[in-house]
Structures are given as C-alpha cells and as structure tokens.
mmCIF file of all heavy atoms, coordinates in Angstrom:
data_MODEL
# 
_entry.id   MODEL 
# 
loop_
_atom_site.group_PDB 
_atom_site.id 
_atom_site.type_symbol 
_atom_site.label_atom_id 
_atom_site.label_alt_id 
_atom_site.label_comp_id 
_atom_site.label_asym_id 
_atom_site.label_entity_id 
_atom_site.label_seq_id 
_atom_site.pdbx_PDB_ins_code 
_atom_site.Cartn_x 
_atom_site.Cartn_y 
_atom_site.Cartn_z 
_atom_site.occupancy 
_atom_site.B_iso_or_equiv 
_atom_site.pdbx_formal_charge 
_atom_site.auth_seq_id 
_atom_site.auth_comp_id 
_atom_site.auth_asym_id 
_atom_site.auth_atom_id 
_atom_site.pdbx_PDB_model_num 
ATOM 1   N N   . ALA A 1 1  ? -42.937 9.354  58.569 1.00 0.00 ? 1  ALA A N   1 
ATOM 2   C CA  . ALA A 1 1  ? -41.495 9.205  58.372 1.00 0.00 ? 1  ALA A CA  1 
ATOM 3   C C   . ALA A 1 1  ? -40.715 10.153 59.283 1.00 0.00 ? 1  ALA A C   1 
ATOM 4   O O   . ALA A 1 1  ? -39.654 9.815  59.776 1.00 0.00 ? 1  ALA A O   1 
ATOM 5   C CB  . ALA A 1 1  ? -41.120 9.439  56.927 1.00 0.00 ? 1  ALA A CB  1 
ATOM 6   N N   . GLN A 1 2  ? -41.250 11.332 59.505 1.00 0.00 ? 2  GLN A N   1 
ATOM 7   C CA  . GLN A 1 2  ? -40.594 12.302 60.364 1.00 0.00 ? 2  GLN A CA  1 
ATOM 8   C C   . GLN A 1 2  ? -40.442 11.773 61.796 1.00 0.00 ? 2  GLN A C   1 
ATOM 9   O O   . GLN A 1 2  ? -39.441 11.982 62.429 1.00 0.00 ? 2  GLN A O   1 
ATOM 10  C CB  . GLN A 1 2  ? -41.375 13.625 60.392 1.00 0.00 ? 2  GLN A CB  1 
ATOM 11  C CG  . GLN A 1 2  ? -41.227 14.470 59.163 1.00 0.00 ? 2  GLN A CG  1 
ATOM 12  C CD  . GLN A 1 2  ? -39.822 15.021 59.058 1.00 0.00 ? 2  GLN A CD  1 
ATOM 13  O OE1 . GLN A 1 2  ? -38.973 14.401 58.442 1.00 0.00 ? 2  GLN A OE1 1 
ATOM 14  N NE2 . GLN A 1 2  ? -39.601 16.155 59.670 1.00 0.00 ? 2  GLN A NE2 1 
ATOM 15  N N   . LYS A 1 3  ? -41.451 11.116 62.265 1.00 0.00 ? 3  LYS A N   1 
ATOM 16  C CA  . LYS A 1 3  ? -41.442 10.652 63.645 1.00 0.00 ? 3  LYS A CA  1 
ATOM 17  C C   . LYS A 1 3  ? -40.323 9.642  63.885 1.00 0.00 ? 3  LYS A C   1 
ATOM 18  O O   . LYS A 1 3  ? -39.614 9.716  64.879 1.00 0.00 ? 3  LYS A O   1 
ATOM 19  C CB  . LYS A 1 3  ? -42.796 10.046 64.005 1.00 0.00 ? 3  LYS A CB  1 
ATOM 20  C CG  . LYS A 1 3  ? -42.972 9.805  65.462 1.00 0.00 ? 3  LYS A CG  1 
ATOM 21  C CD  . LYS A 1 3  ? -44.399 9.469  65.810 1.00 0.00 ? 3  LYS A CD  1 
ATOM 22  C CE  . LYS A 1 3  ? -44.596 9.489  67.296 1.00 0.00 ? 3  LYS A CE  1 
ATOM 23  N NZ  . LYS A 1 3  ? -45.973 9.270  67.664 1.00 0.00 ? 3  LYS A NZ  1 
ATOM 24  N N   . SER A 1 4  ? -40.118 8.717  62.977 1.00 0.00 ? 4  SER A N   1 
ATOM 25  C CA  . SER A 1 4  ? -39.069 7.725  63.160 1.00 0.00 ? 4  SER A CA  1 
ATOM 26  C C   . SER A 1 4  ? -37.681 8.359  63.074 1.00 0.00 ? 4  SER A C   1 
ATOM 27  O O   . SER A 1 4  ? -36.763 7.961  63.761 1.00 0.00 ? 4  SER A O   1 
ATOM 28  C CB  . SER A 1 4  ? -39.195 6.587  62.156 1.00 0.00 ? 4  SER A CB  1 
ATOM 29  O OG  . SER A 1 4  ? -38.998 7.079  60.847 1.00 0.00 ? 4  SER A OG  1 
ATOM 30  N N   . LYS A 1 5  ? -37.541 9.377  62.197 1.00 0.00 ? 5  LYS A N   1 
ATOM 31  C CA  . LYS A 1 5  ? -36.250 10.056 62.072 1.00 0.00 ? 5  LYS A CA  1 
ATOM 32  C C   . LYS A 1 5  ? -35.896 10.774 63.369 1.00 0.00 ? 5  LYS A C   1 
ATOM 33  O O   . LYS A 1 5  ? -34.774 10.680 63.866 1.00 0.00 ? 5  LYS A O   1 
ATOM 34  C CB  . LYS A 1 5  ? -36.284 11.040 60.912 1.00 0.00 ? 5  LYS A CB  1 
ATOM 35  C CG  . LYS A 1 5  ? -34.958 11.720 60.687 1.00 0.00 ? 5  LYS A CG  1 
ATOM 36  C CD  . LYS A 1 5  ? -34.994 12.648 59.503 1.00 0.00 ? 5  LYS A CD  1 
ATOM 37  C CE  . LYS A 1 5  ? -33.675 13.347 59.322 1.00 0.00 ? 5  LYS A CE  1 
ATOM 38  N NZ  . LYS A 1 5  ? -33.700 14.315 58.248 1.00 0.00 ? 5  LYS A NZ  1 
ATOM 39  N N   . SER A 1 6  ? -36.845 11.498 63.933 1.00 0.00 ? 6  SER A N   1 
ATOM 40  C CA  . SER A 1 6  ? -36.557 12.226 65.161 1.00 0.00 ? 6  SER A CA  1 
ATOM 41  C C   . SER A 1 6  ? -36.295 11.254 66.318 1.00 0.00 ? 6  SER A C   1 
ATOM 42  O O   . SER A 1 6  ? -35.455 11.527 67.172 1.00 0.00 ? 6  SER A O   1 
ATOM 43  C CB  . SER A 1 6  ? -37.684 13.190 65.505 1.00 0.00 ? 6  SER A CB  1 
ATOM 44  O OG  . SER A 1 6  ? -38.875 12.489 65.767 1.00 0.00 ? 6  SER A OG  1 
ATOM 45  N N   . THR A 1 7  ? -36.987 10.128 66.328 1.00 0.00 ? 7  THR A N   1 
ATOM 46  C CA  . THR A 1 7  ? -36.766 9.132  67.368 1.00 0.00 ? 7  THR A CA  1 
ATOM 47  C C   . THR A 1 7  ? -35.362 8.549  67.237 1.00 0.00 ? 7  THR A C   1 
ATOM 48  O O   . THR A 1 7  ? -34.661 8.371  68.227 1.00 0.00 ? 7  THR A O   1 
ATOM 49  C CB  . THR A 1 7  ? -37.814 8.011  67.278 1.00 0.00 ? 7  THR A CB  1 
ATOM 50  O OG1 . THR A 1 7  ? -39.100 8.590  67.402 1.00 0.00 ? 7  THR A OG1 1 
ATOM 51  C CG2 . THR A 1 7  ? -37.618 6.997  68.378 1.00 0.00 ? 7  THR A CG2 1 
ATOM 52  N N   . PHE A 1 8  ? -34.952 8.292  65.999 1.00 0.00 ? 8  PHE A N   1 
ATOM 53  C CA  . PHE A 1 8  ? -33.611 7.777  65.770 1.00 0.00 ? 8  PHE A CA  1 
ATOM 54  C C   . PHE A 1 8  ? -32.562 8.795  66.216 1.00 0.00 ? 8  PHE A C   1 
ATOM 55  O O   . PHE A 1 8  ? -31.585 8.444  66.886 1.00 0.00 ? 8  PHE A O   1 
ATOM 56  C CB  . PHE A 1 8  ? -33.424 7.452  64.284 1.00 0.00 ? 8  PHE A CB  1 
ATOM 57  C CG  . PHE A 1 8  ? -32.042 6.991  63.945 1.00 0.00 ? 8  PHE A CG  1 
ATOM 58  C CD1 . PHE A 1 8  ? -31.614 5.719  64.291 1.00 0.00 ? 8  PHE A CD1 1 
ATOM 59  C CD2 . PHE A 1 8  ? -31.148 7.843  63.309 1.00 0.00 ? 8  PHE A CD2 1 
ATOM 60  C CE1 . PHE A 1 8  ? -30.324 5.301  63.992 1.00 0.00 ? 8  PHE A CE1 1 
ATOM 61  C CE2 . PHE A 1 8  ? -29.867 7.440  63.010 1.00 0.00 ? 8  PHE A CE2 1 
ATOM 62  C CZ  . PHE A 1 8  ? -29.448 6.160  63.350 1.00 0.00 ? 8  PHE A CZ  1 
ATOM 63  N N   . GLN A 1 9  ? -32.772 10.060 65.863 1.00 0.00 ? 9  GLN A N   1 
ATOM 64  C CA  . GLN A 1 9  ? -31.831 11.108 66.272 1.00 0.00 ? 9  GLN A CA  1 
ATOM 65  C C   . GLN A 1 9  ? -31.783 11.234 67.788 1.00 0.00 ? 9  GLN A C   1 
ATOM 66  O O   . GLN A 1 9  ? -30.712 11.407 68.371 1.00 0.00 ? 9  GLN A O   1 
ATOM 67  C CB  . GLN A 1 9  ? -32.223 12.441 65.648 1.00 0.00 ? 9  GLN A CB  1 
ATOM 68  C CG  . GLN A 1 9  ? -31.971 12.503 64.162 1.00 0.00 ? 9  GLN A CG  1 
ATOM 69  C CD  . GLN A 1 9  ? -32.516 13.773 63.541 1.00 0.00 ? 9  GLN A CD  1 
ATOM 70  O OE1 . GLN A 1 9  ? -33.379 14.430 64.119 1.00 0.00 ? 9  GLN A OE1 1 
ATOM 71  N NE2 . GLN A 1 9  ? -32.015 14.102 62.358 1.00 0.00 ? 9  GLN A NE2 1 
ATOM 72  N N   . LYS A 1 10 ? -32.916 11.139 68.420 1.00 0.00 ? 10 LYS A N   1 
ATOM 73  C CA  . LYS A 1 10 ? -32.972 11.233 69.873 1.00 0.00 ? 10 LYS A CA  1 
ATOM 74  C C   . LYS A 1 10 ? -32.215 10.064 70.501 1.00 0.00 ? 10 LYS A C   1 
ATOM 75  O O   . LYS A 1 10 ? -31.458 10.241 71.462 1.00 0.00 ? 10 LYS A O   1 
ATOM 76  C CB  . LYS A 1 10 ? -34.430 11.230 70.344 1.00 0.00 ? 10 LYS A CB  1 
ATOM 77  C CG  . LYS A 1 10 ? -34.580 11.435 71.822 1.00 0.00 ? 10 LYS A CG  1 
ATOM 78  C CD  . LYS A 1 10 ? -36.043 11.540 72.224 1.00 0.00 ? 10 LYS A CD  1 
ATOM 79  C CE  . LYS A 1 10 ? -36.185 11.766 73.707 1.00 0.00 ? 10 LYS A CE  1 
ATOM 80  N NZ  . LYS A 1 10 ? -37.586 11.860 74.112 1.00 0.00 ? 10 LYS A NZ  1 
ATOM 81  N N   . ARG A 1 11 ? -32.380 8.884  69.953 1.00 0.00 ? 11 ARG A N   1 
ATOM 82  C CA  . ARG A 1 11 ? -31.690 7.702  70.451 1.00 0.00 ? 11 ARG A CA  1 
ATOM 83  C C   . ARG A 1 11 ? -30.170 7.863  70.301 1.00 0.00 ? 11 ARG A C   1 
ATOM 84  O O   . ARG A 1 11 ? -29.402 7.545  71.202 1.00 0.00 ? 11 ARG A O   1 
ATOM 85  C CB  . ARG A 1 11 ? -32.173 6.457  69.711 1.00 0.00 ? 11 ARG A CB  1 
ATOM 86  C CG  . ARG A 1 11 ? -31.691 5.171  70.335 1.00 0.00 ? 11 ARG A CG  1 
ATOM 87  C CD  . ARG A 1 11 ? -32.257 3.931  69.644 1.00 0.00 ? 11 ARG A CD  1 
ATOM 88  N NE  . ARG A 1 11 ? -33.715 3.959  69.593 1.00 0.00 ? 11 ARG A NE  1 
ATOM 89  C CZ  . ARG A 1 11 ? -34.441 3.840  68.483 1.00 0.00 ? 11 ARG A CZ  1 
ATOM 90  N NH1 . ARG A 1 11 ? -33.852 3.697  67.311 1.00 0.00 ? 11 ARG A NH1 1 
ATOM 91  N NH2 . ARG A 1 11 ? -35.750 3.851  68.521 1.00 0.00 ? 11 ARG A NH2 1 
ATOM 92  N N   . GLU A 1 12 ? -29.739 8.403  69.148 1.00 0.00 ? 12 GLU A N   1 
ATOM 93  C CA  . GLU A 1 12 ? -28.310 8.634  68.914 1.00 0.00 ? 12 GLU A CA  1 
ATOM 94  C C   . GLU A 1 12 ? -27.753 9.665  69.889 1.00 0.00 ? 12 GLU A C   1 
ATOM 95  O O   . GLU A 1 12 ? -26.661 9.493  70.425 1.00 0.00 ? 12 GLU A O   1 
ATOM 96  C CB  . GLU A 1 12 ? -28.078 9.093  67.470 1.00 0.00 ? 12 GLU A CB  1 
ATOM 97  C CG  . GLU A 1 12 ? -28.257 8.003  66.441 1.00 0.00 ? 12 GLU A CG  1 
ATOM 98  C CD  . GLU A 1 12 ? -27.289 6.858  66.634 1.00 0.00 ? 12 GLU A CD  1 
ATOM 99  O OE1 . GLU A 1 12 ? -26.086 7.117  66.762 1.00 0.00 ? 12 GLU A OE1 1 
ATOM 100 O OE2 . GLU A 1 12 ? -27.752 5.704  66.679 1.00 0.00 ? 12 GLU A OE2 1 
ATOM 101 N N   . LYS A 1 13 ? -28.502 10.724 70.145 1.00 0.00 ? 13 LYS A N   1 
ATOM 102 C CA  . LYS A 1 13 ? -28.078 11.736 71.109 1.00 0.00 ? 13 LYS A CA  1 
ATOM 103 C C   . LYS A 1 13 ? -27.917 11.119 72.493 1.00 0.00 ? 13 LYS A C   1 
ATOM 104 O O   . LYS A 1 13 ? -26.975 11.416 73.222 1.00 0.00 ? 13 LYS A O   1 
ATOM 105 C CB  . LYS A 1 13 ? -29.096 12.875 71.194 1.00 0.00 ? 13 LYS A CB  1 
ATOM 106 C CG  . LYS A 1 13 ? -28.892 13.971 70.224 1.00 0.00 ? 13 LYS A CG  1 
ATOM 107 C CD  . LYS A 1 13 ? -29.886 15.089 70.533 1.00 0.00 ? 13 LYS A CD  1 
ATOM 108 C CE  . LYS A 1 13 ? -29.552 16.349 69.806 1.00 0.00 ? 13 LYS A CE  1 
ATOM 109 N NZ  . LYS A 1 13 ? -30.493 17.427 70.088 1.00 0.00 ? 13 LYS A NZ  1 
ATOM 110 N N   . GLU A 1 14 ? -28.878 10.275 72.851 1.00 0.00 ? 14 GLU A N   1 
ATOM 111 C CA  . GLU A 1 14 ? -28.837 9.637  74.169 1.00 0.00 ? 14 GLU A CA  1 
ATOM 112 C C   . GLU A 1 14 ? -27.621 8.709  74.280 1.00 0.00 ? 14 GLU A C   1 
ATOM 113 O O   . GLU A 1 14 ? -26.957 8.667  75.320 1.00 0.00 ? 14 GLU A O   1 
ATOM 114 C CB  . GLU A 1 14 ? -30.130 8.857  74.405 1.00 0.00 ? 14 GLU A CB  1 
ATOM 115 C CG  . GLU A 1 14 ? -30.342 8.434  75.829 1.00 0.00 ? 14 GLU A CG  1 
ATOM 116 C CD  . GLU A 1 14 ? -30.467 9.600  76.794 1.00 0.00 ? 14 GLU A CD  1 
ATOM 117 O OE1 . GLU A 1 14 ? -30.986 10.664 76.418 1.00 0.00 ? 14 GLU A OE1 1 
ATOM 118 O OE2 . GLU A 1 14 ? -30.029 9.445  77.948 1.00 0.00 ? 14 GLU A OE2 1 
ATOM 119 N N   . LYS A 1 15 ? -27.299 7.986  73.210 1.00 0.00 ? 15 LYS A N   1 
ATOM 120 C CA  . LYS A 1 15 ? -26.111 7.122  73.208 1.00 0.00 ? 15 LYS A CA  1 
ATOM 121 C C   . LYS A 1 15 ? -24.850 7.951  73.382 1.00 0.00 ? 15 LYS A C   1 
ATOM 122 O O   . LYS A 1 15 ? -23.948 7.582  74.136 1.00 0.00 ? 15 LYS A O   1 
ATOM 123 C CB  . LYS A 1 15 ? -26.026 6.324  71.908 1.00 0.00 ? 15 LYS A CB  1 
ATOM 124 C CG  . LYS A 1 15 ? -26.988 5.175  71.809 1.00 0.00 ? 15 LYS A CG  1 
ATOM 125 C CD  . LYS A 1 15 ? -26.815 4.451  70.479 1.00 0.00 ? 15 LYS A CD  1 
ATOM 126 C CE  . LYS A 1 15 ? -27.821 3.345  70.298 1.00 0.00 ? 15 LYS A CE  1 
ATOM 127 N NZ  . LYS A 1 15 ? -27.656 2.674  68.990 1.00 0.00 ? 15 LYS A NZ  1 
ATOM 128 N N   . GLU A 1 16 ? -24.770 9.081  72.666 1.00 0.00 ? 16 GLU A N   1 
ATOM 129 C CA  . GLU A 1 16 ? -23.610 9.967  72.790 1.00 0.00 ? 16 GLU A CA  1 
ATOM 130 C C   . GLU A 1 16 ? -23.485 10.505 74.211 1.00 0.00 ? 16 GLU A C   1 
ATOM 131 O O   . GLU A 1 16 ? -22.383 10.587 74.758 1.00 0.00 ? 16 GLU A O   1 
ATOM 132 C CB  . GLU A 1 16 ? -23.732 11.133 71.803 1.00 0.00 ? 16 GLU A CB  1 
ATOM 133 C CG  . GLU A 1 16 ? -23.538 10.738 70.357 1.00 0.00 ? 16 GLU A CG  1 
ATOM 134 C CD  . GLU A 1 16 ? -23.804 11.891 69.404 1.00 0.00 ? 16 GLU A CD  1 
ATOM 135 O OE1 . GLU A 1 16 ? -23.931 13.051 69.867 1.00 0.00 ? 16 GLU A OE1 1 
ATOM 136 O OE2 . GLU A 1 16 ? -23.882 11.631 68.196 1.00 0.00 ? 16 GLU A OE2 1 
ATOM 137 N N   . LYS A 1 17 ? -24.608 10.876 74.795 1.00 0.00 ? 17 LYS A N   1 
ATOM 138 C CA  . LYS A 1 17 ? -24.612 11.397 76.160 1.00 0.00 ? 17 LYS A CA  1 
ATOM 139 C C   . LYS A 1 17 ? -24.114 10.334 77.146 1.00 0.00 ? 17 LYS A C   1 
ATOM 140 O O   . LYS A 1 17 ? -23.303 10.621 78.028 1.00 0.00 ? 17 LYS A O   1 
ATOM 141 C CB  . LYS A 1 17 ? -26.028 11.839 76.525 1.00 0.00 ? 17 LYS A CB  1 
ATOM 142 C CG  . LYS A 1 17 ? -26.151 12.492 77.869 1.00 0.00 ? 17 LYS A CG  1 
ATOM 143 C CD  . LYS A 1 17 ? -27.578 12.954 78.122 1.00 0.00 ? 17 LYS A CD  1 
ATOM 144 C CE  . LYS A 1 17 ? -27.731 13.577 79.478 1.00 0.00 ? 17 LYS A CE  1 
ATOM 145 N NZ  . LYS A 1 17 ? -29.116 13.996 79.751 1.00 0.00 ? 17 LYS A NZ  1 
ATOM 146 N N   . GLN A 1 18 ? -24.582 9.104  76.983 1.00 0.00 ? 18 GLN A N   1 
ATOM 147 C CA  . GLN A 1 18 ? -24.153 8.024  77.864 1.00 0.00 ? 18 GLN A CA  1 
ATOM 148 C C   . GLN A 1 18 ? -22.663 7.726  77.688 1.00 0.00 ? 18 GLN A C   1 
ATOM 149 O O   . GLN A 1 18 ? -21.954 7.493  78.667 1.00 0.00 ? 18 GLN A O   1 
ATOM 150 C CB  . GLN A 1 18 ? -24.984 6.773  77.601 1.00 0.00 ? 18 GLN A CB  1 
ATOM 151 C CG  . GLN A 1 18 ? -26.409 6.890  78.080 1.00 0.00 ? 18 GLN A CG  1 
ATOM 152 C CD  . GLN A 1 18 ? -27.264 5.702  77.664 1.00 0.00 ? 18 GLN A CD  1 
ATOM 153 O OE1 . GLN A 1 18 ? -26.838 4.855  76.884 1.00 0.00 ? 18 GLN A OE1 1 
ATOM 154 N NE2 . GLN A 1 18 ? -28.487 5.661  78.174 1.00 0.00 ? 18 GLN A NE2 1 
ATOM 155 N N   . GLN A 1 19 ? -22.179 7.754  76.439 1.00 0.00 ? 19 GLN A N   1 
ATOM 156 C CA  . GLN A 1 19 ? -20.761 7.519  76.184 1.00 0.00 ? 19 GLN A CA  1 
ATOM 157 C C   . GLN A 1 19 ? -19.915 8.619  76.822 1.00 0.00 ? 19 GLN A C   1 
ATOM 158 O O   . GLN A 1 19 ? -18.876 8.346  77.417 1.00 0.00 ? 19 GLN A O   1 
ATOM 159 C CB  . GLN A 1 19 ? -20.483 7.446  74.678 1.00 0.00 ? 19 GLN A CB  1 
ATOM 160 C CG  . GLN A 1 19 ? -19.043 7.137  74.345 1.00 0.00 ? 19 GLN A CG  1 
ATOM 161 C CD  . GLN A 1 19 ? -18.598 5.786  74.875 1.00 0.00 ? 19 GLN A CD  1 
ATOM 162 O OE1 . GLN A 1 19 ? -19.329 4.810  74.803 1.00 0.00 ? 19 GLN A OE1 1 
ATOM 163 N NE2 . GLN A 1 19 ? -17.410 5.748  75.427 1.00 0.00 ? 19 GLN A NE2 1 
ATOM 164 N N   . LYS A 1 20 ? -20.370 9.842  76.721 1.00 0.00 ? 20 LYS A N   1 
ATOM 165 C CA  . LYS A 1 20 ? -19.655 10.968 77.323 1.00 0.00 ? 20 LYS A CA  1 
ATOM 166 C C   . LYS A 1 20 ? -19.592 10.799 78.845 1.00 0.00 ? 20 LYS A C   1 
ATOM 167 O O   . LYS A 1 20 ? -18.561 11.056 79.458 1.00 0.00 ? 20 LYS A O   1 
ATOM 168 C CB  . LYS A 1 20 ? -20.361 12.276 76.958 1.00 0.00 ? 20 LYS A CB  1 
ATOM 169 C CG  . LYS A 1 20 ? -19.620 13.504 77.392 1.00 0.00 ? 20 LYS A CG  1 
ATOM 170 C CD  . LYS A 1 20 ? -20.308 14.766 76.898 1.00 0.00 ? 20 LYS A CD  1 
ATOM 171 C CE  . LYS A 1 20 ? -19.578 15.999 77.370 1.00 0.00 ? 20 LYS A CE  1 
ATOM 172 N NZ  . LYS A 1 20 ? -20.237 17.237 76.933 1.00 0.00 ? 20 LYS A NZ  1 
ATOM 173 N N   . GLN A 1 21 ? -20.689 10.341 79.450 1.00 0.00 ? 21 GLN A N   1 
ATOM 174 C CA  . GLN A 1 21 ? -20.711 10.107 80.897 1.00 0.00 ? 21 GLN A CA  1 
ATOM 175 C C   . GLN A 1 21 ? -19.729 9.000  81.277 1.00 0.00 ? 21 GLN A C   1 
ATOM 176 O O   . GLN A 1 21 ? -19.020 9.106  82.279 1.00 0.00 ? 21 GLN A O   1 
ATOM 177 C CB  . GLN A 1 21 ? -22.119 9.743  81.360 1.00 0.00 ? 21 GLN A CB  1 
ATOM 178 C CG  . GLN A 1 21 ? -23.083 10.904 81.350 1.00 0.00 ? 21 GLN A CG  1 
ATOM 179 C CD  . GLN A 1 21 ? -24.517 10.486 81.665 1.00 0.00 ? 21 GLN A CD  1 
ATOM 180 O OE1 . GLN A 1 21 ? -24.873 9.320  81.578 1.00 0.00 ? 21 GLN A OE1 1 
ATOM 181 N NE2 . GLN A 1 21 ? -25.327 11.464 82.026 1.00 0.00 ? 21 GLN A NE2 1 
ATOM 182 N N   . ARG A 1 22 ? -19.659 7.935  80.460 1.00 0.00 ? 22 ARG A N   1 
ATOM 183 C CA  . ARG A 1 22 ? -18.716 6.837  80.741 1.00 0.00 ? 22 ARG A CA  1 
ATOM 184 C C   . ARG A 1 22 ? -17.272 7.324  80.620 1.00 0.00 ? 22 ARG A C   1 
ATOM 185 O O   . ARG A 1 22 ? -16.429 6.989  81.457 1.00 0.00 ? 22 ARG A O   1 
ATOM 186 C CB  . ARG A 1 22 ? -18.961 5.667  79.792 1.00 0.00 ? 22 ARG A CB  1 
ATOM 187 C CG  . ARG A 1 22 ? -20.180 4.841  80.153 1.00 0.00 ? 22 ARG A CG  1 
ATOM 188 C CD  . ARG A 1 22 ? -20.240 3.548  79.362 1.00 0.00 ? 22 ARG A CD  1 
ATOM 189 N NE  . ARG A 1 22 ? -20.428 3.784  77.937 1.00 0.00 ? 22 ARG A NE  1 
ATOM 190 C CZ  . ARG A 1 22 ? -21.603 3.769  77.317 1.00 0.00 ? 22 ARG A CZ  1 
ATOM 191 N NH1 . ARG A 1 22 ? -22.695 3.501  77.999 1.00 0.00 ? 22 ARG A NH1 1 
ATOM 192 N NH2 . ARG A 1 22 ? -21.672 3.993  76.029 1.00 0.00 ? 22 ARG A NH2 1 
ATOM 193 N N   . ASP A 1 23 ? -17.010 8.133  79.590 1.00 0.00 ? 23 ASP A N   1 
ATOM 194 C CA  . ASP A 1 23 ? -15.664 8.680  79.412 1.00 0.00 ? 23 ASP A CA  1 
ATOM 195 C C   . ASP A 1 23 ? -15.271 9.574  80.585 1.00 0.00 ? 23 ASP A C   1 
ATOM 196 O O   . ASP A 1 23 ? -14.152 9.513  81.088 1.00 0.00 ? 23 ASP A O   1 
ATOM 197 C CB  . ASP A 1 23 ? -15.573 9.480  78.111 1.00 0.00 ? 23 ASP A CB  1 
ATOM 198 C CG  . ASP A 1 23 ? -15.713 8.612  76.874 1.00 0.00 ? 23 ASP A CG  1 
ATOM 199 O OD1 . ASP A 1 23 ? -15.567 7.370  76.979 1.00 0.00 ? 23 ASP A OD1 1 
ATOM 200 O OD2 . ASP A 1 23 ? -15.969 9.177  75.786 1.00 0.00 ? 23 ASP A OD2 1 
ATOM 201 N N   . LYS A 1 24 ? -16.206 10.387 81.026 1.00 0.00 ? 24 LYS A N   1 
ATOM 202 C CA  . LYS A 1 24 ? -15.958 11.295 82.137 1.00 0.00 ? 24 LYS A CA  1 
ATOM 203 C C   . LYS A 1 24 ? -15.675 10.497 83.424 1.00 0.00 ? 24 LYS A C   1 
ATOM 204 O O   . LYS A 1 24 ? -14.759 10.824 84.176 1.00 0.00 ? 24 LYS A O   1 
ATOM 205 C CB  . LYS A 1 24 ? -17.167 12.212 82.337 1.00 0.00 ? 24 LYS A CB  1 
ATOM 206 C CG  . LYS A 1 24 ? -16.942 13.345 83.281 1.00 0.00 ? 24 LYS A CG  1 
ATOM 207 C CD  . LYS A 1 24 ? -18.135 14.291 83.256 1.00 0.00 ? 24 LYS A CD  1 
ATOM 208 C CE  . LYS A 1 24 ? -17.912 15.486 84.138 1.00 0.00 ? 24 LYS A CE  1 
ATOM 209 N NZ  . LYS A 1 24 ? -19.049 16.420 84.098 1.00 0.00 ? 24 LYS A NZ  1 
ATOM 210 N N   . GLU A 1 25 ? -16.447 9.464  83.647 1.00 0.00 ? 25 GLU A N   1 
ATOM 211 C CA  . GLU A 1 25 ? -16.232 8.616  84.832 1.00 0.00 ? 25 GLU A CA  1 
ATOM 212 C C   . GLU A 1 25 ? -14.878 7.927  84.756 1.00 0.00 ? 25 GLU A C   1 
ATOM 213 O O   . GLU A 1 25 ? -14.166 7.815  85.762 1.00 0.00 ? 25 GLU A O   1 
ATOM 214 C CB  . GLU A 1 25 ? -17.360 7.589  84.956 1.00 0.00 ? 25 GLU A CB  1 
ATOM 215 C CG  . GLU A 1 25 ? -17.269 6.746  86.217 1.00 0.00 ? 25 GLU A CG  1 
ATOM 216 C CD  . GLU A 1 25 ? -17.399 7.548  87.498 1.00 0.00 ? 25 GLU A CD  1 
ATOM 217 O OE1 . GLU A 1 25 ? -18.042 8.608  87.490 1.00 0.00 ? 25 GLU A OE1 1 
ATOM 218 O OE2 . GLU A 1 25 ? -16.826 7.108  88.518 1.00 0.00 ? 25 GLU A OE2 1 
ATOM 219 N N   . ALA A 1 26 ? -14.474 7.485  83.561 1.00 0.00 ? 26 ALA A N   1 
ATOM 220 C CA  . ALA A 1 26 ? -13.165 6.848  83.393 1.00 0.00 ? 26 ALA A CA  1 
ATOM 221 C C   . ALA A 1 26 ? -12.046 7.847  83.704 1.00 0.00 ? 26 ALA A C   1 
ATOM 222 O O   . ALA A 1 26 ? -11.053 7.492  84.349 1.00 0.00 ? 26 ALA A O   1 
ATOM 223 C CB  . ALA A 1 26 ? -13.022 6.313  81.975 1.00 0.00 ? 26 ALA A CB  1 
ATOM 224 N N   . ARG A 1 27 ? -12.200 9.101  83.251 1.00 0.00 ? 27 ARG A N   1 
ATOM 225 C CA  . ARG A 1 27 ? -11.195 10.133 83.561 1.00 0.00 ? 27 ARG A CA  1 
ATOM 226 C C   . ARG A 1 27 ? -11.127 10.380 85.059 1.00 0.00 ? 27 ARG A C   1 
ATOM 227 O O   . ARG A 1 27 ? -10.040 10.558 85.620 1.00 0.00 ? 27 ARG A O   1 
ATOM 228 C CB  . ARG A 1 27 ? -11.518 11.435 82.828 1.00 0.00 ? 27 ARG A CB  1 
ATOM 229 C CG  . ARG A 1 27 ? -11.190 11.404 81.359 1.00 0.00 ? 27 ARG A CG  1 
ATOM 230 C CD  . ARG A 1 27 ? -11.220 12.794 80.735 1.00 0.00 ? 27 ARG A CD  1 
ATOM 231 N NE  . ARG A 1 27 ? -12.431 13.548 81.016 1.00 0.00 ? 27 ARG A NE  1 
ATOM 232 C CZ  . ARG A 1 27 ? -13.530 13.547 80.268 1.00 0.00 ? 27 ARG A CZ  1 
ATOM 233 N NH1 . ARG A 1 27 ? -13.575 12.799 79.182 1.00 0.00 ? 27 ARG A NH1 1 
ATOM 234 N NH2 . ARG A 1 27 ? -14.567 14.280 80.584 1.00 0.00 ? 27 ARG A NH2 1 
# 
C-alpha cells in the first residue's frame, strides 16, 4: 500500500511541476 501512495504523490508533484512550468512560460 505504501508503494502506490508514494507513486501517487510523486505523480501529483510532477503534475504540479509541469503546471508551474506552463504558468511560467505563459508569464
């Protein structure tokens, strides 16, 4: 169960990072 939770958190972090990059490029 731990492995799937950390994978999910990692995926969410990566999505946030990509969104931040898109926002920065838009600015």
